[in-house]
Protein backbone atom coordinates (compact mmCIF):
# COMPACT_ATOMS: atom_id res chain seq x y z
CA MET A 1 72.60 163.23 127.17
CA ALA A 2 74.78 163.72 130.20
CA ASP A 3 73.43 165.74 133.12
CA SER A 4 76.44 168.07 132.89
CA HIS A 5 74.96 169.44 129.67
CA ALA A 6 72.15 171.25 131.49
CA ARG A 7 69.67 172.99 129.20
CA PRO A 8 67.22 175.75 130.18
CA VAL A 9 63.70 174.43 129.78
CA PRO A 10 60.57 176.42 130.72
CA PRO A 11 58.13 174.87 133.22
CA ALA A 12 55.52 172.34 132.14
CA SER A 13 51.97 173.60 131.76
CA GLY A 14 49.74 172.85 134.73
CA SER A 15 50.60 170.92 137.88
CA ASP A 16 49.70 167.47 136.54
CA THR A 17 52.07 166.61 133.67
CA PHE A 18 52.55 163.46 131.64
CA MET A 19 55.47 162.49 133.90
CA ASP A 20 53.36 163.08 137.02
CA ARG A 21 50.58 160.81 135.79
CA SER A 22 53.05 158.13 134.69
CA ALA A 23 54.68 158.20 138.14
CA HIS A 24 51.25 157.69 139.75
CA GLY A 25 50.63 154.66 137.56
CA GLU A 26 48.07 156.17 135.21
CA SER A 27 48.35 154.63 131.74
CA GLN A 28 48.43 156.66 128.58
CA SER A 29 46.65 155.67 125.40
CA ALA A 30 48.86 153.59 123.12
CA ASP A 31 47.52 155.49 120.14
CA PRO A 32 47.60 159.22 119.39
CA PRO A 33 44.30 161.14 119.64
CA ASP A 34 41.72 160.85 116.87
CA PRO A 35 43.31 162.23 113.67
CA ASP A 36 40.00 163.94 112.86
CA ASP A 37 40.69 166.42 115.70
CA ALA A 38 42.15 169.21 113.55
CA ASP A 39 42.41 171.62 116.49
CA GLU A 40 44.87 169.55 118.51
CA THR A 41 48.07 171.04 117.10
CA ALA A 42 46.72 174.57 117.49
CA ASP A 43 45.59 173.91 121.07
CA ALA A 44 49.07 172.60 121.85
CA ASP A 45 50.69 175.69 120.28
CA CYS A 46 52.27 173.45 117.66
CA VAL A 47 53.00 175.37 114.45
CA GLU A 48 52.82 173.58 111.11
CA LEU A 49 55.49 174.55 108.59
CA SER A 50 54.31 173.97 105.04
CA SER A 51 56.78 175.81 102.80
CA GLU A 52 60.50 175.81 102.06
CA PRO A 53 61.01 179.43 103.25
CA GLU A 54 59.49 178.51 106.63
CA LEU A 55 61.80 175.50 106.90
CA THR A 56 64.79 177.63 105.95
CA THR A 57 63.94 179.95 108.84
CA LEU A 58 63.63 176.95 111.18
CA ALA A 59 67.00 175.58 110.06
CA LYS A 60 68.64 178.94 110.78
CA ALA A 61 67.14 178.92 114.29
CA ILE A 62 68.36 175.36 114.89
CA LEU A 63 71.91 176.29 113.82
CA ASP A 64 71.96 179.62 115.67
CA ALA A 65 74.91 179.49 118.08
CA ARG A 66 73.16 182.01 120.35
CA ARG A 67 70.10 179.79 120.88
CA ASP A 68 69.63 178.76 124.54
CA TYR A 69 66.39 176.76 124.31
CA PRO A 70 65.36 173.42 122.76
CA ILE A 71 63.35 173.11 119.54
CA VAL A 72 60.99 170.15 119.00
CA CYS A 73 59.80 168.96 115.59
CA LEU A 74 56.96 166.47 114.96
CA THR A 75 56.32 164.60 111.69
CA ALA A 76 53.53 162.46 110.24
CA ARG A 77 53.51 158.80 109.30
CA PRO A 78 53.64 158.29 105.50
CA GLY A 79 50.21 158.91 103.97
CA GLU A 80 48.80 160.62 107.08
CA HIS A 81 48.06 164.25 107.87
CA ASP A 82 48.59 164.56 111.63
CA PRO A 83 51.62 164.25 113.93
CA ALA A 84 52.40 160.63 114.80
CA LEU A 85 53.17 161.66 118.37
CA SER A 86 50.39 163.55 120.13
CA ALA A 87 51.11 167.30 120.07
CA THR A 88 49.08 167.71 123.27
CA PHE A 89 51.15 165.17 125.19
CA VAL A 90 54.39 166.58 123.79
CA ARG A 91 53.38 170.06 124.98
CA GLU A 92 52.71 168.71 128.48
CA ILE A 93 56.17 167.16 128.54
CA VAL A 94 58.25 170.05 127.20
CA GLY A 95 56.37 172.95 128.81
CA PRO A 96 54.92 176.18 127.38
CA GLY A 97 58.12 177.98 126.41
CA VAL A 98 59.55 175.40 124.00
CA PRO A 99 58.74 175.87 120.28
CA ILE A 100 57.05 172.82 118.74
CA TYR A 101 56.82 172.56 114.97
CA PHE A 102 55.08 170.06 112.70
CA VAL A 103 56.35 169.16 109.21
CA ARG A 104 53.79 166.98 107.44
CA THR A 105 55.20 165.72 104.13
CA ARG A 106 58.28 163.66 103.36
CA ARG A 107 59.32 166.15 100.68
CA LEU A 108 59.49 168.95 103.25
CA THR A 109 61.28 166.83 105.87
CA ARG A 110 63.88 165.95 103.23
CA TYR A 111 64.31 169.62 102.44
CA LEU A 112 64.79 170.45 106.13
CA GLY A 113 67.34 167.64 106.44
CA SER A 114 69.31 169.06 103.51
CA LEU A 115 69.79 172.30 105.48
CA LEU A 116 71.15 170.59 108.61
CA PRO A 117 74.34 168.66 109.37
CA PRO A 118 74.26 164.92 108.53
CA ARG A 119 72.10 162.72 110.84
CA PHE A 120 70.25 165.68 112.36
CA ASP A 121 67.13 165.21 110.19
CA VAL A 122 63.68 163.86 111.13
CA TRP A 123 61.02 162.06 109.05
CA ASP A 124 58.19 159.47 108.81
CA GLY A 125 56.48 160.02 112.17
CA ALA A 126 59.61 160.58 114.27
CA THR A 127 60.04 163.47 116.72
CA ARG A 128 63.32 165.36 117.04
CA VAL A 129 64.69 167.51 119.86
CA TRP A 130 67.43 169.92 118.87
CA TRP A 131 69.12 171.16 122.03
CA PRO A 132 71.30 174.29 121.79
CA GLY A 133 74.64 173.81 120.09
CA VAL A 134 73.83 172.18 116.73
CA SER A 135 76.75 172.43 114.31
CA GLU A 136 78.83 170.33 111.91
CA ARG A 137 80.95 169.23 114.88
CA SER A 138 77.99 168.28 117.11
CA ASP A 139 77.17 164.73 118.16
CA HIS A 140 73.72 163.88 116.79
CA ILE A 141 73.15 161.47 119.72
CA GLU A 142 72.91 164.49 122.04
CA HIS A 143 69.93 165.73 120.02
CA PRO A 144 67.58 162.75 120.27
CA ARG A 145 65.32 161.46 117.52
CA ILE A 146 62.28 159.61 118.93
CA TYR A 147 61.57 156.96 116.29
CA ASP A 148 59.27 153.92 116.60
CA PRO A 149 59.92 151.32 113.86
CA SER A 150 56.51 149.76 114.52
CA GLY A 151 54.77 153.04 113.68
CA ARG A 152 52.69 153.05 116.89
CA TYR A 153 54.18 156.10 118.63
CA GLY A 154 52.40 155.44 121.92
CA GLU A 155 53.40 155.49 125.56
CA ASP A 156 56.94 154.18 125.02
CA SER A 157 57.77 157.05 122.66
CA LEU A 158 56.30 159.61 125.06
CA GLN A 159 58.26 158.10 127.94
CA ARG A 160 61.49 158.41 125.94
CA LEU A 161 60.76 162.08 125.26
CA ALA A 162 59.76 162.69 128.89
CA ALA A 163 62.99 161.07 130.13
CA GLU A 164 65.01 163.42 127.92
CA PHE A 165 63.39 166.48 129.47
CA ALA A 166 63.10 165.15 133.03
CA THR A 167 66.85 165.57 133.71
CA LYS A 168 66.93 169.23 132.65
CA PRO A 169 66.30 172.20 134.98
CA ARG A 170 62.95 173.98 134.58
CA PRO A 171 63.32 177.64 135.59
CA GLU A 172 60.24 179.82 135.91
CA LEU A 173 59.52 182.21 133.05
CA THR A 174 60.02 185.88 133.79
CA LEU A 175 57.14 188.29 133.23
CA LYS A 176 58.82 189.59 130.06
CA GLN A 177 59.25 186.04 128.74
CA GLN A 178 55.60 185.28 129.47
CA LEU A 179 54.46 188.37 127.55
CA VAL A 180 56.69 187.56 124.58
CA LEU A 181 55.44 183.97 124.60
CA ALA A 182 51.77 185.04 124.73
CA GLU A 183 52.23 187.46 121.81
CA ARG A 184 54.06 184.83 119.76
CA GLN A 185 51.31 182.30 120.40
CA ARG A 186 48.64 184.83 119.41
CA SER A 187 50.35 185.77 116.13
CA GLN A 188 51.05 182.12 115.30
CA LEU A 189 47.41 181.19 115.81
CA VAL A 190 46.23 184.05 113.59
CA GLU A 191 48.67 183.07 110.83
CA ARG A 192 47.76 179.40 111.15
CA ALA A 193 44.01 180.14 110.95
CA GLU A 194 44.46 182.26 107.82
CA ARG A 195 46.67 179.63 106.17
CA LEU A 196 44.25 176.80 106.97
CA GLU A 197 41.32 178.78 105.58
CA ARG A 198 43.13 179.22 102.27
CA VAL A 199 44.20 175.57 102.10
CA LEU A 200 40.76 174.23 103.02
CA ALA A 201 38.99 176.44 100.49
CA GLY A 202 41.25 175.28 97.68
CA THR A 203 41.09 171.62 98.70
CA ARG A 204 37.29 171.57 98.93
CA GLN A 205 36.91 173.11 95.47
CA GLU A 206 39.48 170.78 93.89
CA LEU A 207 38.02 167.58 95.36
CA ASP A 208 34.42 168.56 94.62
CA GLU A 209 35.25 169.26 90.99
CA ALA A 210 37.24 166.04 90.62
CA LEU A 211 34.59 163.81 92.19
CA ARG A 212 31.73 165.39 90.28
CA GLY A 213 33.53 164.93 86.97
CA ILE A 214 33.43 168.63 86.07
CA SER A 215 37.13 169.42 86.37
CA PRO A 216 38.63 169.99 82.89
CA ALA A 217 42.06 168.93 84.20
CA SER A 218 40.69 165.69 85.62
CA SER A 219 38.74 164.95 82.44
CA GLN A 220 41.78 165.50 80.21
CA ALA A 221 44.02 163.42 82.46
CA ALA A 222 41.57 160.54 82.60
CA HIS A 223 40.67 160.54 78.89
CA GLY A 224 43.83 161.88 77.27
CA ASP A 225 47.60 161.86 77.87
CA SER A 226 47.82 158.56 75.99
CA THR A 227 51.57 158.69 75.38
CA GLU A 228 52.40 159.64 78.95
CA SER A 229 50.12 157.21 80.78
CA SER A 230 49.88 154.24 78.39
CA GLY A 231 52.80 152.49 80.02
CA THR A 232 51.34 153.09 83.46
CA ARG A 233 47.96 151.72 82.45
CA SER A 234 49.57 148.64 80.91
CA ASP A 235 51.72 147.98 83.98
CA ALA A 236 48.67 148.30 86.20
CA LEU A 237 46.57 145.81 84.19
CA ARG A 238 44.01 148.55 83.72
CA PRO A 239 40.84 146.95 82.28
CA GLY A 240 40.41 149.01 79.12
CA ASP A 241 40.77 152.67 78.35
CA PRO A 242 37.84 155.02 78.92
CA SER A 243 36.07 156.44 75.90
CA GLU A 244 37.83 159.34 74.21
CA GLU A 245 34.56 161.18 73.79
CA THR A 246 34.24 163.91 76.41
CA THR A 247 30.80 165.14 77.35
CA GLU A 248 29.61 167.34 80.14
CA GLN A 249 28.69 165.32 83.25
CA SER A 250 26.18 166.43 85.83
CA ALA A 251 26.86 163.38 88.04
CA PRO A 252 30.14 161.92 89.35
CA ASN A 253 32.14 160.35 86.53
CA GLU A 254 33.58 156.93 87.42
CA SER A 255 36.25 157.15 84.70
CA ASP A 256 37.55 160.43 86.10
CA VAL A 257 37.67 159.03 89.64
CA GLU A 258 39.36 155.85 88.42
CA GLY A 259 42.02 157.83 86.59
CA MET A 260 42.60 160.04 89.61
CA LEU A 261 42.97 157.01 91.91
CA TYR A 262 45.48 155.35 89.56
CA ARG A 263 47.57 158.52 89.49
CA LEU A 264 47.42 158.93 93.27
CA ILE A 265 48.49 155.30 93.85
CA TRP A 266 51.49 155.65 91.55
CA SER A 267 52.39 159.00 93.11
CA GLN A 268 52.24 157.50 96.60
CA TRP A 269 54.34 154.50 95.55
CA VAL A 270 57.03 156.81 94.13
CA ASP A 271 57.06 158.66 97.47
CA ILE A 272 57.15 155.46 99.53
CA CYS A 273 59.87 153.62 97.61
CA PRO A 274 63.32 155.28 97.55
CA PRO A 275 64.89 155.58 94.07
CA ASN A 276 67.70 153.15 94.90
CA GLU A 277 65.17 150.40 95.76
CA ARG A 278 62.77 150.67 92.82
CA ALA A 279 64.66 148.45 90.40
CA GLU A 280 65.16 145.67 92.96
CA HIS A 281 61.67 145.98 94.48
CA PRO A 282 59.27 147.01 91.68
CA PRO A 283 55.56 147.42 92.48
CA ARG A 284 53.14 144.61 91.81
CA ARG A 285 50.84 144.96 88.82
CA PHE A 286 47.32 145.80 89.93
CA VAL A 287 43.76 146.38 88.76
CA ILE A 288 41.00 148.38 90.43
CA SER A 289 37.49 146.91 90.48
CA SER A 290 34.45 148.88 89.38
CA GLU A 291 32.86 148.18 92.79
CA LEU A 292 35.68 150.03 94.57
CA ILE A 293 35.34 152.99 92.19
CA ARG A 294 31.56 153.13 92.76
CA THR A 295 32.15 153.18 96.51
CA ILE A 296 34.31 156.28 96.11
CA VAL A 297 31.97 158.03 93.68
CA GLN A 298 28.89 157.39 95.84
CA ARG A 299 30.84 158.30 99.01
CA ARG A 300 29.61 155.23 100.87
CA VAL A 301 32.65 155.15 103.17
CA ASP A 302 34.22 158.10 104.96
CA VAL A 303 37.83 157.48 103.89
CA PRO A 304 39.86 160.22 102.15
CA ILE A 305 40.95 159.14 98.68
CA GLU A 306 44.53 160.10 99.57
CA ARG A 307 44.51 157.63 102.49
CA LEU A 308 43.03 154.90 100.26
CA ALA A 309 45.70 155.56 97.62
CA TRP A 310 48.48 155.36 100.22
CA VAL A 311 47.23 152.00 101.56
CA CYS A 312 46.96 150.68 97.98
CA ALA A 313 50.52 151.86 97.29
CA MET A 314 51.73 150.08 100.43
CA VAL A 315 49.98 146.90 99.22
CA ILE A 316 51.46 146.92 95.70
CA GLY A 317 54.85 147.80 97.19
CA ASP A 318 54.75 144.79 99.58
CA ARG A 319 54.95 147.08 102.61
CA ALA A 320 51.45 146.61 104.08
CA ILE A 321 51.96 143.28 105.88
CA GLY A 322 53.51 143.95 109.28
CA HIS A 323 52.79 147.70 109.19
CA ALA A 324 51.14 148.68 112.48
CA GLY A 325 48.75 151.20 110.92
CA ILE A 326 47.56 148.88 108.12
CA ASP A 327 47.74 145.33 109.55
CA ALA A 328 47.31 143.59 106.19
CA HIS A 329 46.41 139.91 106.66
CA LEU A 330 44.58 136.98 105.12
CA TYR A 331 40.80 137.29 105.12
CA ARG A 332 39.42 135.43 108.15
CA GLY A 333 35.69 135.53 107.41
CA ASN A 334 33.21 132.68 107.09
CA GLU A 335 33.90 132.29 103.38
CA GLU A 336 36.79 130.60 101.62
CA SER A 337 39.94 132.73 101.73
CA GLU A 338 41.20 131.35 98.41
CA ARG A 339 39.60 131.44 94.95
CA SER A 340 39.62 128.62 92.43
CA ASP A 341 42.43 130.37 90.53
CA GLY A 342 44.62 130.35 93.65
CA ALA A 343 44.13 134.04 94.52
CA LYS A 344 44.21 134.69 98.27
CA ALA A 345 41.74 137.05 99.95
CA MET A 346 43.44 139.82 101.93
CA ARG A 347 42.41 142.77 104.11
CA ALA A 348 44.15 146.00 105.06
CA ALA A 349 42.93 148.62 107.56
CA LEU A 350 42.09 152.06 106.16
CA LYS A 351 41.70 153.60 109.63
CA ARG A 352 43.42 152.80 112.91
CA SER A 353 40.22 151.85 114.74
CA ALA A 354 38.57 148.57 115.71
CA GLY A 355 35.87 147.63 113.21
CA GLY A 356 36.87 150.47 110.88
CA PRO A 357 36.78 150.31 107.08
CA ARG A 358 39.13 147.90 105.34
CA LEU A 359 40.51 147.53 101.86
CA HIS A 360 39.62 144.06 100.53
CA TYR A 361 41.92 142.75 97.80
CA TRP A 362 43.06 139.55 96.09
CA SER A 363 46.70 138.48 95.86
CA LEU A 364 47.12 136.40 92.69
CA PRO A 365 49.62 133.54 92.23
CA ASN A 366 51.35 135.52 89.45
CA GLY A 367 52.02 138.38 91.89
CA ALA A 368 49.31 140.74 90.63
CA ILE A 369 46.85 142.49 92.95
CA GLU A 370 43.11 142.96 92.47
CA LEU A 371 41.85 145.89 94.57
CA ALA A 372 38.31 144.63 95.13
CA GLN A 373 36.28 146.80 97.51
CA ILE A 374 36.06 148.78 100.73
CA GLY A 375 34.26 146.90 103.46
CA TYR A 376 34.00 146.27 107.19
CA HIS A 377 34.93 143.41 109.51
CA ASP A 378 31.94 141.14 108.88
CA MET A 379 31.43 142.10 105.25
CA SER A 380 31.91 139.31 102.68
CA LEU A 381 34.62 139.65 100.04
CA SER A 382 33.10 139.62 96.57
């Protein structure tokens, strides 16, 4: 954006900003902070928007001709739950007076995009800056979208964002502006805490019931719905239908978990693959091993089932190889990487950490996939 288009930007928080450290030669981590740190977005005064009414309000603010401040929006990589670009680092770059929002799911980012002029949307881990003056006649290039095709979103992405803000003036906030900002931050934190409490309570109950095999909905979906899911089970090479007899289970039910994982994988694949690509690039047929199901039921590995389902969907959709967050590759252990039937042993990362858990699977000559087990770097592939 040209310097003549000067935008008012509040001062950065603290005296030592991201740009200051970069100028002094201090390197930033190439990866965002640990995704398990659920307090990061709140600490950075980054507000998550999780409903269509909230996004409608945001769209109105973006299009408001009277707006004289930038708005920043963060998104998550597909299948993940945290901003791809660190909210803490973004806050350091843009300063305390700039609203930062986080939209997690692709469905919601698509909805937001439908409310804005063409090419002003944001999705799949990218970060967008909407400077004042967004309209149907605006040039989308003047409102940058920070997108990393590799999916890393590290120092290069932060430098691009910092360069965008470095050329803009940073006036000091007046006392009235500081008071308004403090009150807005307080109310946002209260609302966020209440919303998270409700979401967490519902999620814990739903997952506990599903994994313990006591959810009536899970039991019916896994044992019934024959007309709706028969085609799906056939396409997936599912090894036999579970018994139609339903009895009360006091322990985790492997059939229920298996059915839930199949549904999650198909749901993730539908989300990953655009409708116009599905006929030309159909998913591979796949089967889930009993060993992998037992690992989930017995909770041997700390990997959310949603993350596992997303990686599996990327595998069957031929999108895992070359993806920075998955790094699918041929098995390089001490054992043979090819079976007697020609199937090749493969691995895909379930967490972006060295030595973290991996999905082990077989790629068959006929194109089918056998999802074998969850293991670690030195674990043999059975």
